[in-house]
């Protein structure tokens, strides 16, 4: 698998695509631009972000904002309320448990089911 090819196959922003799996984890790619991701949490799952291109603003409730850049890796621990945004296009690889809901229990215009995230 080539990550560059996986990212180039993405159409819409905020629409993660499952590109592989290991044990109980999915590997996903997504591109974002803007502030569409709502505040949400994942009650039982950690979420790993790897920034492949661009800059990501990571906001976590009651913590200082983080700026993640290309090559950075960050884990949002389960239960932490968070949201992400980017002024310019940002390419992200996510590693998440297979049970992780895209926007937690929050439903928004960008929310995708697990089924909607398969290639």
PDB file of N, CA and C in Angstrom:
ATOM      1  N   UNK A   1       0.845  -1.175   0.000  1.00  0.00           N
ATOM      2  CA  UNK A   1       0.000   0.000   0.000  1.00  0.00           C
ATOM      3  C   UNK A   1       0.891   1.239   0.000  1.00  0.00           C
ATOM      4  N   UNK A   2       0.480   2.223  -0.743  1.00  0.00           N
ATOM      5  CA  UNK A   2       1.211   3.481  -0.808  1.00  0.00           C
ATOM      6  C   UNK A   2       0.311   4.580  -0.242  1.00  0.00           C
ATOM      7  N   UNK A   3       0.778   5.244   0.835  1.00  0.00           N
ATOM      8  CA  UNK A   3      -0.044   6.280   1.469  1.00  0.00           C
ATOM      9  C   UNK A   3      -0.317   7.452   0.541  1.00  0.00           C
ATOM     10  N   UNK A   4       0.666   7.813  -0.268  1.00  0.00           N
ATOM     11  CA  UNK A   4       0.462   8.924  -1.200  1.00  0.00           C
ATOM     12  C   UNK A   4      -0.702   8.612  -2.138  1.00  0.00           C
ATOM     13  N   UNK A   5      -0.760   7.385  -2.644  1.00  0.00           N
ATOM     14  CA  UNK A   5      -1.869   6.976  -3.507  1.00  0.00           C
ATOM     15  C   UNK A   5      -3.189   6.971  -2.746  1.00  0.00           C
ATOM     16  N   UNK A   6      -3.156   6.518  -1.492  1.00  0.00           N
ATOM     17  CA  UNK A   6      -4.376   6.493  -0.675  1.00  0.00           C
ATOM     18  C   UNK A   6      -4.917   7.907  -0.476  1.00  0.00           C
ATOM     19  N   UNK A   7      -4.029   8.848  -0.192  1.00  0.00           N
ATOM     20  CA  UNK A   7      -4.467  10.232  -0.005  1.00  0.00           C
ATOM     21  C   UNK A   7      -4.983  10.831  -1.316  1.00  0.00           C
ATOM     22  N   UNK A   8      -4.325  10.517  -2.425  1.00  0.00           N
ATOM     23  CA  UNK A   8      -4.750  11.115  -3.703  1.00  0.00           C
ATOM     24  C   UNK A   8      -6.107  10.580  -4.166  1.00  0.00           C
ATOM     25  N   UNK A   9      -6.529   9.441  -3.618  1.00  0.00           N
ATOM     26  CA  UNK A   9      -7.829   8.884  -4.000  1.00  0.00           C
ATOM     27  C   UNK A   9      -8.992   9.496  -3.214  1.00  0.00           C
ATOM     28  N   UNK A  10      -8.684  10.327  -2.218  1.00  0.00           N
ATOM     29  CA  UNK A  10      -9.741  10.934  -1.415  1.00  0.00           C
ATOM     30  C   UNK A  10     -10.485  11.996  -2.217  1.00  0.00           C
ATOM     31  N   UNK A  11     -11.788  12.012  -2.074  1.00  0.00           N
ATOM     32  CA  UNK A  11     -12.607  13.010  -2.753  1.00  0.00           C
ATOM     33  C   UNK A  11     -12.909  14.188  -1.847  1.00  0.00           C
ATOM     34  N   UNK A  12     -13.876  14.013  -0.979  1.00  0.00           N
ATOM     35  CA  UNK A  12     -14.368  15.100  -0.139  1.00  0.00           C
ATOM     36  C   UNK A  12     -13.548  15.279   1.132  1.00  0.00           C
ATOM     37  N   UNK A  13     -13.570  16.495   1.633  1.00  0.00           N
ATOM     38  CA  UNK A  13     -12.983  16.769   2.944  1.00  0.00           C
ATOM     39  C   UNK A  13     -13.852  16.119   4.029  1.00  0.00           C
ATOM     40  N   UNK A  14     -13.238  15.807   5.156  1.00  0.00           N
ATOM     41  CA  UNK A  14     -13.917  15.281   6.344  1.00  0.00           C
ATOM     42  C   UNK A  14     -14.615  13.950   6.078  1.00  0.00           C
ATOM     43  N   UNK A  15     -14.087  13.166   5.153  1.00  0.00           N
ATOM     44  CA  UNK A  15     -14.687  11.884   4.819  1.00  0.00           C
ATOM     45  C   UNK A  15     -13.632  10.783   4.916  1.00  0.00           C
ATOM     46  N   UNK A  16     -13.402  10.252   6.127  1.00  0.00           N
ATOM     47  CA  UNK A  16     -12.344   9.256   6.300  1.00  0.00           C
ATOM     48  C   UNK A  16     -12.587   7.998   5.482  1.00  0.00           C
ATOM     49  N   UNK A  17     -11.489   7.397   5.051  1.00  0.00           N
ATOM     50  CA  UNK A  17     -11.554   6.169   4.262  1.00  0.00           C
ATOM     51  C   UNK A  17     -10.686   5.107   4.938  1.00  0.00           C
ATOM     52  N   UNK A  18     -11.253   3.941   5.174  1.00  0.00           N
ATOM     53  CA  UNK A  18     -10.517   2.817   5.749  1.00  0.00           C
ATOM     54  C   UNK A  18      -9.644   2.213   4.655  1.00  0.00           C
ATOM     55  N   UNK A  19      -8.342   2.135   4.944  1.00  0.00           N
ATOM     56  CA  UNK A  19      -7.412   1.602   3.937  1.00  0.00           C
ATOM     57  C   UNK A  19      -6.753   0.300   4.371  1.00  0.00           C
ATOM     58  N   UNK A  20      -6.964  -0.109   5.612  1.00  0.00           N
ATOM     59  CA  UNK A  20      -6.384  -1.355   6.089  1.00  0.00           C
ATOM     60  C   UNK A  20      -6.790  -1.626   7.519  1.00  0.00           C
ATOM     61  N   UNK A  21      -6.384  -2.806   7.997  1.00  0.00           N
ATOM     62  CA  UNK A  21      -6.698  -3.156   9.379  1.00  0.00           C
ATOM     63  C   UNK A  21      -5.642  -4.089   9.937  1.00  0.00           C
ATOM     64  N   UNK A  22      -5.440  -3.985  11.223  1.00  0.00           N
ATOM     65  CA  UNK A  22      -4.549  -4.871  11.965  1.00  0.00           C
ATOM     66  C   UNK A  22      -5.269  -5.208  13.261  1.00  0.00           C
ATOM     67  N   UNK A  23      -5.489  -6.488  13.490  1.00  0.00           N
ATOM     68  CA  UNK A  23      -6.205  -6.941  14.681  1.00  0.00           C
ATOM     69  C   UNK A  23      -7.520  -6.175  14.809  1.00  0.00           C
ATOM     70  N   UNK A  24      -7.710  -5.437  15.879  1.00  0.00           N
ATOM     71  CA  UNK A  24      -8.965  -4.715  16.095  1.00  0.00           C
ATOM     72  C   UNK A  24      -8.854  -3.236  15.770  1.00  0.00           C
ATOM     73  N   UNK A  25      -7.903  -2.857  14.912  1.00  0.00           N
ATOM     74  CA  UNK A  25      -7.671  -1.458  14.564  1.00  0.00           C
ATOM     75  C   UNK A  25      -7.852  -1.244  13.067  1.00  0.00           C
ATOM     76  N   UNK A  26      -8.429  -0.090  12.722  1.00  0.00           N
ATOM     77  CA  UNK A  26      -8.500   0.343  11.331  1.00  0.00           C
ATOM     78  C   UNK A  26      -7.445   1.408  11.087  1.00  0.00           C
ATOM     79  N   UNK A  27      -6.869   1.386   9.902  1.00  0.00           N
ATOM     80  CA  UNK A  27      -6.025   2.466   9.399  1.00  0.00           C
ATOM     81  C   UNK A  27      -6.904   3.265   8.448  1.00  0.00           C
ATOM     82  N   UNK A  28      -6.967   4.576   8.675  1.00  0.00           N
ATOM     83  CA  UNK A  28      -7.813   5.441   7.869  1.00  0.00           C
ATOM     84  C   UNK A  28      -7.003   6.623   7.353  1.00  0.00           C
ATOM     85  N   UNK A  29      -7.416   7.158   6.224  1.00  0.00           N
ATOM     86  CA  UNK A  29      -6.858   8.416   5.721  1.00  0.00           C
ATOM     87  C   UNK A  29      -8.020   9.390   5.562  1.00  0.00           C
ATOM     88  N   UNK A  30      -7.717  10.661   5.777  1.00  0.00           N
ATOM     89  CA  UNK A  30      -8.730  11.706   5.657  1.00  0.00           C
ATOM     90  C   UNK A  30      -8.033  13.011   5.320  1.00  0.00           C
ATOM     91  N   UNK A  31      -8.727  13.857   4.591  1.00  0.00           N
ATOM     92  CA  UNK A  31      -8.216  15.207   4.369  1.00  0.00           C
ATOM     93  C   UNK A  31      -9.238  16.181   4.936  1.00  0.00           C
ATOM     94  N   UNK A  32      -8.713  17.217   5.574  1.00  0.00           N
ATOM     95  CA  UNK A  32      -9.611  18.217   6.137  1.00  0.00           C
ATOM     96  C   UNK A  32      -9.152  19.606   5.723  1.00  0.00           C
ATOM     97  N   UNK A  33     -10.085  20.505   5.749  1.00  0.00           N
ATOM     98  CA  UNK A  33      -9.823  21.929   5.509  1.00  0.00           C
ATOM     99  C   UNK A  33     -11.029  22.665   6.071  1.00  0.00           C
ATOM    100  N   UNK A  34     -10.796  23.459   7.092  1.00  0.00           N
ATOM    101  CA  UNK A  34     -11.887  24.186   7.725  1.00  0.00           C
ATOM    102  C   UNK A  34     -12.156  23.692   9.128  1.00  0.00           C
ATOM    103  N   UNK A  35     -13.358  24.032   9.612  1.00  0.00           N
ATOM    104  CA  UNK A  35     -13.704  23.778  11.012  1.00  0.00           C
ATOM    105  C   UNK A  35     -14.992  22.977  11.150  1.00  0.00           C
ATOM    106  N   UNK A  36     -15.180  21.983  10.320  1.00  0.00           N
ATOM    107  CA  UNK A  36     -16.434  21.228  10.311  1.00  0.00           C
ATOM    108  C   UNK A  36     -16.540  20.158  11.398  1.00  0.00           C
ATOM    109  N   UNK A  37     -15.408  19.740  11.965  1.00  0.00           N
ATOM    110  CA  UNK A  37     -15.445  18.658  12.951  1.00  0.00           C
ATOM    111  C   UNK A  37     -16.020  19.193  14.262  1.00  0.00           C
ATOM    112  N   UNK A  38     -17.114  18.599  14.747  1.00  0.00           N
ATOM    113  CA  UNK A  38     -17.708  19.077  15.994  1.00  0.00           C
ATOM    114  C   UNK A  38     -16.917  18.600  17.216  1.00  0.00           C
ATOM    115  N   UNK A  39     -17.110  19.291  18.329  1.00  0.00           N
ATOM    116  CA  UNK A  39     -16.581  18.789  19.595  1.00  0.00           C
ATOM    117  C   UNK A  39     -17.196  17.419  19.843  1.00  0.00           C
ATOM    118  N   UNK A  40     -16.371  16.436  20.184  1.00  0.00           N
ATOM    119  CA  UNK A  40     -16.855  15.082  20.434  1.00  0.00           C
ATOM    120  C   UNK A  40     -15.829  14.321  21.261  1.00  0.00           C
ATOM    121  N   UNK A  41     -16.219  13.151  21.717  1.00  0.00           N
ATOM    122  CA  UNK A  41     -15.258  12.261  22.368  1.00  0.00           C
ATOM    123  C   UNK A  41     -15.558  10.829  21.961  1.00  0.00           C
ATOM    124  N   UNK A  42     -14.643   9.965  22.303  1.00  0.00           N
ATOM    125  CA  UNK A  42     -14.797   8.534  22.087  1.00  0.00           C
ATOM    126  C   UNK A  42     -14.670   7.904  23.471  1.00  0.00           C
ATOM    127  N   UNK A  43     -15.786   7.447  24.009  1.00  0.00           N
ATOM    128  CA  UNK A  43     -15.835   7.002  25.401  1.00  0.00           C
ATOM    129  C   UNK A  43     -14.873   5.869  25.716  1.00  0.00           C
ATOM    130  N   UNK A  44     -14.683   4.943  24.786  1.00  0.00           N
ATOM    131  CA  UNK A  44     -13.913   3.731  25.086  1.00  0.00           C
ATOM    132  C   UNK A  44     -12.689   3.516  24.211  1.00  0.00           C
ATOM    133  N   UNK A  45     -12.380   4.471  23.321  1.00  0.00           N
ATOM    134  CA  UNK A  45     -11.287   4.249  22.375  1.00  0.00           C
ATOM    135  C   UNK A  45     -10.325   5.433  22.337  1.00  0.00           C
ATOM    136  N   UNK A  46      -9.033   5.110  22.287  1.00  0.00           N
ATOM    137  CA  UNK A  46      -8.016   6.114  21.979  1.00  0.00           C
ATOM    138  C   UNK A  46      -8.029   6.317  20.467  1.00  0.00           C
ATOM    139  N   UNK A  47      -7.486   7.454  20.024  1.00  0.00           N
ATOM    140  CA  UNK A  47      -7.468   7.779  18.594  1.00  0.00           C
ATOM    141  C   UNK A  47      -6.092   8.353  18.259  1.00  0.00           C
ATOM    142  N   UNK A  48      -5.400   7.733  17.293  1.00  0.00           N
ATOM    143  CA  UNK A  48      -4.069   8.176  16.904  1.00  0.00           C
ATOM    144  C   UNK A  48      -4.147   8.996  15.624  1.00  0.00           C
ATOM    145  N   UNK A  49      -3.513  10.169  15.637  1.00  0.00           N
ATOM    146  CA  UNK A  49      -3.423  11.059  14.479  1.00  0.00           C
ATOM    147  C   UNK A  49      -1.976  11.120  14.023  1.00  0.00           C
ATOM    148  N   UNK A  50      -1.733  10.899  12.740  1.00  0.00           N
ATOM    149  CA  UNK A  50      -0.416  11.113  12.132  1.00  0.00           C
ATOM    150  C   UNK A  50      -0.600  12.131  11.016  1.00  0.00           C
ATOM    151  N   UNK A  51       0.124  13.228  11.079  1.00  0.00           N
ATOM    152  CA  UNK A  51      -0.024  14.295  10.092  1.00  0.00           C
ATOM    153  C   UNK A  51       0.926  14.014   8.928  1.00  0.00           C
ATOM    154  N   UNK A  52       0.347  13.741   7.759  1.00  0.00           N
ATOM    155  CA  UNK A  52       1.132  13.434   6.565  1.00  0.00           C
ATOM    156  C   UNK A  52       1.452  14.689   5.754  1.00  0.00           C
ATOM    157  N   UNK A  53       0.570  15.700   5.854  1.00  0.00           N
ATOM    158  CA  UNK A  53       0.779  16.944   5.107  1.00  0.00           C
ATOM    159  C   UNK A  53      -0.026  18.041   5.791  1.00  0.00           C
ATOM    160  N   UNK A  54       0.571  19.222   5.891  1.00  0.00           N
ATOM    161  CA  UNK A  54      -0.161  20.365   6.411  1.00  0.00           C
ATOM    162  C   UNK A  54       0.006  20.567   7.899  1.00  0.00           C
ATOM    163  N   UNK A  55      -0.910  21.352   8.448  1.00  0.00           N
ATOM    164  CA  UNK A  55      -0.903  21.722   9.860  1.00  0.00           C
ATOM    165  C   UNK A  55      -2.299  21.513  10.421  1.00  0.00           C
ATOM    166  N   UNK A  56      -2.374  20.914  11.594  1.00  0.00           N
ATOM    167  CA  UNK A  56      -3.646  20.599  12.230  1.00  0.00           C
ATOM    168  C   UNK A  56      -3.730  21.305  13.580  1.00  0.00           C
ATOM    169  N   UNK A  57      -4.848  21.953  13.822  1.00  0.00           N
ATOM    170  CA  UNK A  57      -5.124  22.496  15.145  1.00  0.00           C
ATOM    171  C   UNK A  57      -5.889  21.430  15.915  1.00  0.00           C
ATOM    172  N   UNK A  58      -5.310  20.976  17.024  1.00  0.00           N
ATOM    173  CA  UNK A  58      -5.943  19.981  17.888  1.00  0.00           C
ATOM    174  C   UNK A  58      -6.400  20.697  19.146  1.00  0.00           C
ATOM    175  N   UNK A  59      -7.702  20.703  19.360  1.00  0.00           N
ATOM    176  CA  UNK A  59      -8.257  21.304  20.566  1.00  0.00           C
ATOM    177  C   UNK A  59      -8.779  20.191  21.459  1.00  0.00           C
ATOM    178  N   UNK A  60      -8.356  20.201  22.705  1.00  0.00           N
ATOM    179  CA  UNK A  60      -8.809  19.232  23.697  1.00  0.00           C
ATOM    180  C   UNK A  60      -9.349  20.028  24.877  1.00  0.00           C
ATOM    181  N   UNK A  61     -10.541  19.694  25.289  1.00  0.00           N
ATOM    182  CA  UNK A  61     -11.204  20.444  26.361  1.00  0.00           C
ATOM    183  C   UNK A  61     -10.313  20.544  27.601  1.00  0.00           C
ATOM    184  N   UNK A  62     -10.218  21.762  28.137  1.00  0.00           N
ATOM    185  CA  UNK A  62      -9.459  22.064  29.359  1.00  0.00           C
ATOM    186  C   UNK A  62      -7.960  21.846  29.225  1.00  0.00           C
ATOM    187  N   UNK A  63      -7.445  21.886  27.998  1.00  0.00           N
ATOM    188  CA  UNK A  63      -6.003  21.780  27.758  1.00  0.00           C
ATOM    189  C   UNK A  63      -5.608  22.841  26.736  1.00  0.00           C
ATOM    190  N   UNK A  64      -4.332  23.247  26.748  1.00  0.00           N
ATOM    191  CA  UNK A  64      -3.883  24.203  25.721  1.00  0.00           C
ATOM    192  C   UNK A  64      -4.000  23.587  24.324  1.00  0.00           C
ATOM    193  N   UNK A  65      -4.330  24.426  23.347  1.00  0.00           N
ATOM    194  CA  UNK A  65      -4.407  23.970  21.960  1.00  0.00           C
ATOM    195  C   UNK A  65      -3.035  23.491  21.492  1.00  0.00           C
ATOM    196  N   UNK A  66      -3.050  22.531  20.588  1.00  0.00           N
ATOM    197  CA  UNK A  66      -1.813  22.000  20.009  1.00  0.00           C
ATOM    198  C   UNK A  66      -1.814  22.253  18.510  1.00  0.00           C
ATOM    199  N   UNK A  67      -0.658  22.598  17.976  1.00  0.00           N
ATOM    200  CA  UNK A  67      -0.466  22.710  16.531  1.00  0.00           C
ATOM    201  C   UNK A  67       0.380  21.505  16.116  1.00  0.00           C
ATOM    202  N   UNK A  68      -0.207  20.628  15.320  1.00  0.00           N
ATOM    203  CA  UNK A  68       0.503  19.453  14.825  1.00  0.00           C
ATOM    204  C   UNK A  68       0.896  19.696  13.380  1.00  0.00           C
ATOM    205  N   UNK A  69       2.137  19.360  13.056  1.00  0.00           N
ATOM    206  CA  UNK A  69       2.669  19.587  11.713  1.00  0.00           C
ATOM    207  C   UNK A  69       3.058  18.270  11.058  1.00  0.00           C
ATOM    208  N   UNK A  70       3.381  18.346   9.786  1.00  0.00           N
ATOM    209  CA  UNK A  70       3.786  17.165   9.022  1.00  0.00           C
ATOM    210  C   UNK A  70       4.814  16.350   9.808  1.00  0.00           C
ATOM    211  N   UNK A  71       4.550  15.061   9.920  1.00  0.00           N
ATOM    212  CA  UNK A  71       5.444  14.157  10.634  1.00  0.00           C
ATOM    213  C   UNK A  71       5.085  13.960  12.095  1.00  0.00           C
ATOM    214  N   UNK A  72       4.193  14.808  12.640  1.00  0.00           N
ATOM    215  CA  UNK A  72       3.796  14.676  14.044  1.00  0.00           C
ATOM    216  C   UNK A  72       2.786  13.554  14.216  1.00  0.00           C
ATOM    217  N   UNK A  73       2.847  12.929  15.389  1.00  0.00           N
ATOM    218  CA  UNK A  73       1.939  11.867  15.767  1.00  0.00           C
ATOM    219  C   UNK A  73       1.375  12.236  17.134  1.00  0.00           C
ATOM    220  N   UNK A  74       0.074  12.064  17.326  1.00  0.00           N
ATOM    221  CA  UNK A  74      -0.549  12.431  18.592  1.00  0.00           C
ATOM    222  C   UNK A  74      -1.689  11.471  18.890  1.00  0.00           C
ATOM    223  N   UNK A  75      -1.825  11.087  20.161  1.00  0.00           N
ATOM    224  CA  UNK A  75      -2.903  10.212  20.588  1.00  0.00           C
ATOM    225  C   UNK A  75      -3.864  10.997  21.475  1.00  0.00           C
ATOM    226  N   UNK A  76      -5.133  10.987  21.094  1.00  0.00           N
ATOM    227  CA  UNK A  76      -6.186  11.539  21.942  1.00  0.00           C
ATOM    228  C   UNK A  76      -6.705  10.374  22.777  1.00  0.00           C
ATOM    229  N   UNK A  77      -6.568  10.491  24.070  1.00  0.00           N
ATOM    230  CA  UNK A  77      -6.992   9.408  24.956  1.00  0.00           C
ATOM    231  C   UNK A  77      -8.512   9.316  25.046  1.00  0.00           C
ATOM    232  N   UNK A  78      -8.987   8.104  25.253  1.00  0.00           N
ATOM    233  CA  UNK A  78     -10.428   7.876  25.346  1.00  0.00           C
ATOM    234  C   UNK A  78     -11.061   8.807  26.379  1.00  0.00           C
ATOM    235  N   UNK A  79     -12.266   9.241  26.058  1.00  0.00           N
ATOM    236  CA  UNK A  79     -13.011  10.101  26.957  1.00  0.00           C
ATOM    237  C   UNK A  79     -12.712  11.580  26.844  1.00  0.00           C
ATOM    238  N   UNK A  80     -11.630  11.964  26.153  1.00  0.00           N
ATOM    239  CA  UNK A  80     -11.252  13.374  26.032  1.00  0.00           C
ATOM    240  C   UNK A  80     -12.090  14.049  24.947  1.00  0.00           C
ATOM    241  N   UNK A  81     -12.771  15.111  25.310  1.00  0.00           N
ATOM    242  CA  UNK A  81     -13.554  15.882  24.345  1.00  0.00           C
ATOM    243  C   UNK A  81     -12.587  16.692  23.500  1.00  0.00           C
ATOM    244  N   UNK A  82     -12.718  16.583  22.167  1.00  0.00           N
ATOM    245  CA  UNK A  82     -11.755  17.217  21.265  1.00  0.00           C
ATOM    246  C   UNK A  82     -12.412  17.583  19.938  1.00  0.00           C
ATOM    247  N   UNK A  83     -11.689  18.378  19.181  1.00  0.00           N
ATOM    248  CA  UNK A  83     -12.047  18.666  17.788  1.00  0.00           C
ATOM    249  C   UNK A  83     -10.773  19.079  17.075  1.00  0.00           C
ATOM    250  N   UNK A  84     -10.802  18.949  15.753  1.00  0.00           N
ATOM    251  CA  UNK A  84      -9.647  19.318  14.934  1.00  0.00           C
ATOM    252  C   UNK A  84     -10.101  20.243  13.821  1.00  0.00           C
ATOM    253  N   UNK A  85      -9.163  21.062  13.341  1.00  0.00           N
ATOM    254  CA  UNK A  85      -9.437  21.941  12.207  1.00  0.00           C
ATOM    255  C   UNK A  85      -8.123  22.283  11.533  1.00  0.00           C
ATOM    256  N   UNK A  86      -8.240  22.851  10.337  1.00  0.00           N
ATOM    257  CA  UNK A  86      -7.063  23.251   9.580  1.00  0.00           C
ATOM    258  C   UNK A  86      -7.450  24.374   8.622  1.00  0.00           C
ATOM    259  N   UNK A  87      -6.639  25.426   8.583  1.00  0.00           N
ATOM    260  CA  UNK A  87      -6.925  26.544   7.676  1.00  0.00           C
ATOM    261  C   UNK A  87      -6.686  26.160   6.224  1.00  0.00           C
ATOM    262  N   UNK A  88      -5.662  25.342   5.993  1.00  0.00           N
ATOM    263  CA  UNK A  88      -5.354  24.846   4.652  1.00  0.00           C
ATOM    264  C   UNK A  88      -5.503  23.328   4.665  1.00  0.00           C
ATOM    265  N   UNK A  89      -5.474  22.725   3.490  1.00  0.00           N
ATOM    266  CA  UNK A  89      -5.638  21.283   3.413  1.00  0.00           C
ATOM    267  C   UNK A  89      -4.620  20.552   4.287  1.00  0.00           C
ATOM    268  N   UNK A  90      -5.114  19.591   5.052  1.00  0.00           N
ATOM    269  CA  UNK A  90      -4.283  18.778   5.930  1.00  0.00           C
ATOM    270  C   UNK A  90      -4.622  17.311   5.678  1.00  0.00           C
ATOM    271  N   UNK A  91      -3.607  16.492   5.491  1.00  0.00           N
ATOM    272  CA  UNK A  91      -3.785  15.052   5.267  1.00  0.00           C
ATOM    273  C   UNK A  91      -3.399  14.309   6.537  1.00  0.00           C
ATOM    274  N   UNK A  92      -4.291  13.444   6.995  1.00  0.00           N
ATOM    275  CA  UNK A  92      -4.123  12.757   8.271  1.00  0.00           C
ATOM    276  C   UNK A  92      -4.321  11.265   8.082  1.00  0.00           C
ATOM    277  N   UNK A  93      -3.461  10.480   8.733  1.00  0.00           N
ATOM    278  CA  UNK A  93      -3.710   9.056   8.870  1.00  0.00           C
ATOM    279  C   UNK A  93      -4.174   8.834  10.304  1.00  0.00           C
ATOM    280  N   UNK A  94      -5.261   8.089  10.455  1.00  0.00           N
ATOM    281  CA  UNK A  94      -5.814   7.766  11.761  1.00  0.00           C
ATOM    282  C   UNK A  94      -5.664   6.276  12.016  1.00  0.00           C
ATOM    283  N   UNK A  95      -5.384   5.924  13.256  1.00  0.00           N
ATOM    284  CA  UNK A  95      -5.444   4.526  13.678  1.00  0.00           C
ATOM    285  C   UNK A  95      -6.440   4.491  14.826  1.00  0.00           C
ATOM    286  N   UNK A  96      -7.515   3.733  14.614  1.00  0.00           N
ATOM    287  CA  UNK A  96      -8.611   3.715  15.567  1.00  0.00           C
ATOM    288  C   UNK A  96      -9.139   2.298  15.744  1.00  0.00           C
ATOM    289  N   UNK A  97      -9.692   2.029  16.920  1.00  0.00           N
ATOM    290  CA  UNK A  97     -10.387   0.766  17.144  1.00  0.00           C
ATOM    291  C   UNK A  97     -11.531   0.645  16.144  1.00  0.00           C
ATOM    292  N   UNK A  98     -11.864  -0.564  15.792  1.00  0.00           N
ATOM    293  CA  UNK A  98     -12.939  -0.783  14.819  1.00  0.00           C
ATOM    294  C   UNK A  98     -14.289  -0.282  15.318  1.00  0.00           C
ATOM    295  N   UNK A  99     -14.420  -0.064  16.613  1.00  0.00           N
ATOM    296  CA  UNK A  99     -15.679   0.413  17.186  1.00  0.00           C
ATOM    297  C   UNK A  99     -15.764   1.936  17.245  1.00  0.00           C
ATOM    298  N   UNK A 100     -14.705   2.648  16.852  1.00  0.00           N
ATOM    299  CA  UNK A 100     -14.678   4.106  16.985  1.00  0.00           C
ATOM    300  C   UNK A 100     -15.632   4.759  15.999  1.00  0.00           C
ATOM    301  N   UNK A 101     -16.578   5.530  16.540  1.00  0.00           N
ATOM    302  CA  UNK A 101     -17.508   6.279  15.706  1.00  0.00           C
ATOM    303  C   UNK A 101     -16.837   7.579  15.270  1.00  0.00           C
ATOM    304  N   UNK A 102     -17.020   7.931  14.017  1.00  0.00           N
ATOM    305  CA  UNK A 102     -16.343   9.072  13.399  1.00  0.00           C
ATOM    306  C   UNK A 102     -16.390  10.334  14.251  1.00  0.00           C
ATOM    307  N   UNK A 103     -17.548  10.735  14.678  1.00  0.00           N
ATOM    308  CA  UNK A 103     -17.682  11.946  15.506  1.00  0.00           C
ATOM    309  C   UNK A 103     -18.296  11.592  16.863  1.00  0.00           C
ATOM    310  N   UNK A 104     -17.886  10.449  17.408  1.00  0.00           N
ATOM    311  CA  UNK A 104     -18.412  10.023  18.694  1.00  0.00           C
ATOM    312  C   UNK A 104     -19.924   9.871  18.624  1.00  0.00           C
ATOM    313  N   UNK A 105     -20.605  10.301  19.661  1.00  0.00           N
ATOM    314  CA  UNK A 105     -22.072  10.228  19.705  1.00  0.00           C
ATOM    315  C   UNK A 105     -22.724  11.476  19.105  1.00  0.00           C
ATOM    316  N   UNK A 106     -21.904  12.401  18.588  1.00  0.00           N
ATOM    317  CA  UNK A 106     -22.406  13.632  17.972  1.00  0.00           C
ATOM    318  C   UNK A 106     -22.656  13.378  16.487  1.00  0.00           C
ATOM    319  N   UNK A 107     -23.841  13.709  16.021  1.00  0.00           N
ATOM    320  CA  UNK A 107     -24.155  13.581  14.599  1.00  0.00           C
ATOM    321  C   UNK A 107     -24.124  14.965  13.968  1.00  0.00           C
ATOM    322  N   UNK A 108     -23.368  15.083  12.884  1.00  0.00           N
ATOM    323  CA  UNK A 108     -23.276  16.350  12.151  1.00  0.00           C
ATOM    324  C   UNK A 108     -23.290  16.059  10.655  1.00  0.00           C
ATOM    325  N   UNK A 109     -23.205  17.094   9.851  1.00  0.00           N
ATOM    326  CA  UNK A 109     -23.233  16.914   8.393  1.00  0.00           C
ATOM    327  C   UNK A 109     -22.044  16.118   7.876  1.00  0.00           C
ATOM    328  N   UNK A 110     -20.968  16.023   8.636  1.00  0.00           N
ATOM    329  CA  UNK A 110     -19.791  15.276   8.174  1.00  0.00           C
ATOM    330  C   UNK A 110     -19.725  13.854   8.723  1.00  0.00           C
ATOM    331  N   UNK A 111     -20.614  13.490   9.636  1.00  0.00           N
ATOM    332  CA  UNK A 111     -20.564  12.178  10.277  1.00  0.00           C
ATOM    333  C   UNK A 111     -20.711  11.061   9.248  1.00  0.00           C
ATOM    334  N   UNK A 112     -19.813  10.082   9.323  1.00  0.00           N
ATOM    335  CA  UNK A 112     -19.831   8.910   8.440  1.00  0.00           C
ATOM    336  C   UNK A 112     -19.908   7.650   9.291  1.00  0.00           C
ATOM    337  N   UNK A 113     -20.721   6.713   8.871  1.00  0.00           N
ATOM    338  CA  UNK A 113     -20.764   5.414   9.554  1.00  0.00           C
ATOM    339  C   UNK A 113     -19.495   4.643   9.201  1.00  0.00           C
ATOM    340  N   UNK A 114     -19.219   3.604   9.945  1.00  0.00           N
ATOM    341  CA  UNK A 114     -18.066   2.735   9.615  1.00  0.00           C
ATOM    342  C   UNK A 114     -18.230   2.207   8.191  1.00  0.00           C
ATOM    343  N   UNK A 115     -19.430   1.775   7.825  1.00  0.00           N
ATOM    344  CA  UNK A 115     -19.683   1.262   6.477  1.00  0.00           C
ATOM    345  C   UNK A 115     -19.386   2.263   5.390  1.00  0.00           C
ATOM    346  N   UNK A 116     -19.665   3.538   5.657  1.00  0.00           N
ATOM    347  CA  UNK A 116     -19.401   4.608   4.677  1.00  0.00           C
ATOM    348  C   UNK A 116     -17.911   4.880   4.507  1.00  0.00           C
ATOM    349  N   UNK A 117     -17.076   4.352   5.411  1.00  0.00           N
ATOM    350  CA  UNK A 117     -15.652   4.661   5.383  1.00  0.00           C
ATOM    351  C   UNK A 117     -14.810   3.634   4.629  1.00  0.00           C
ATOM    352  N   UNK A 118     -15.423   2.570   4.155  1.00  0.00           N
ATOM    353  CA  UNK A 118     -14.660   1.586   3.391  1.00  0.00           C
ATOM    354  C   UNK A 118     -14.391   2.089   1.988  1.00  0.00           C
ATOM    355  N   UNK A 119     -13.235   1.706   1.444  1.00  0.00           N
ATOM    356  CA  UNK A 119     -12.834   2.125   0.090  1.00  0.00           C
ATOM    357  C   UNK A 119     -13.819   1.642  -0.939  1.00  0.00           C
TER     358      UNK A 119
END
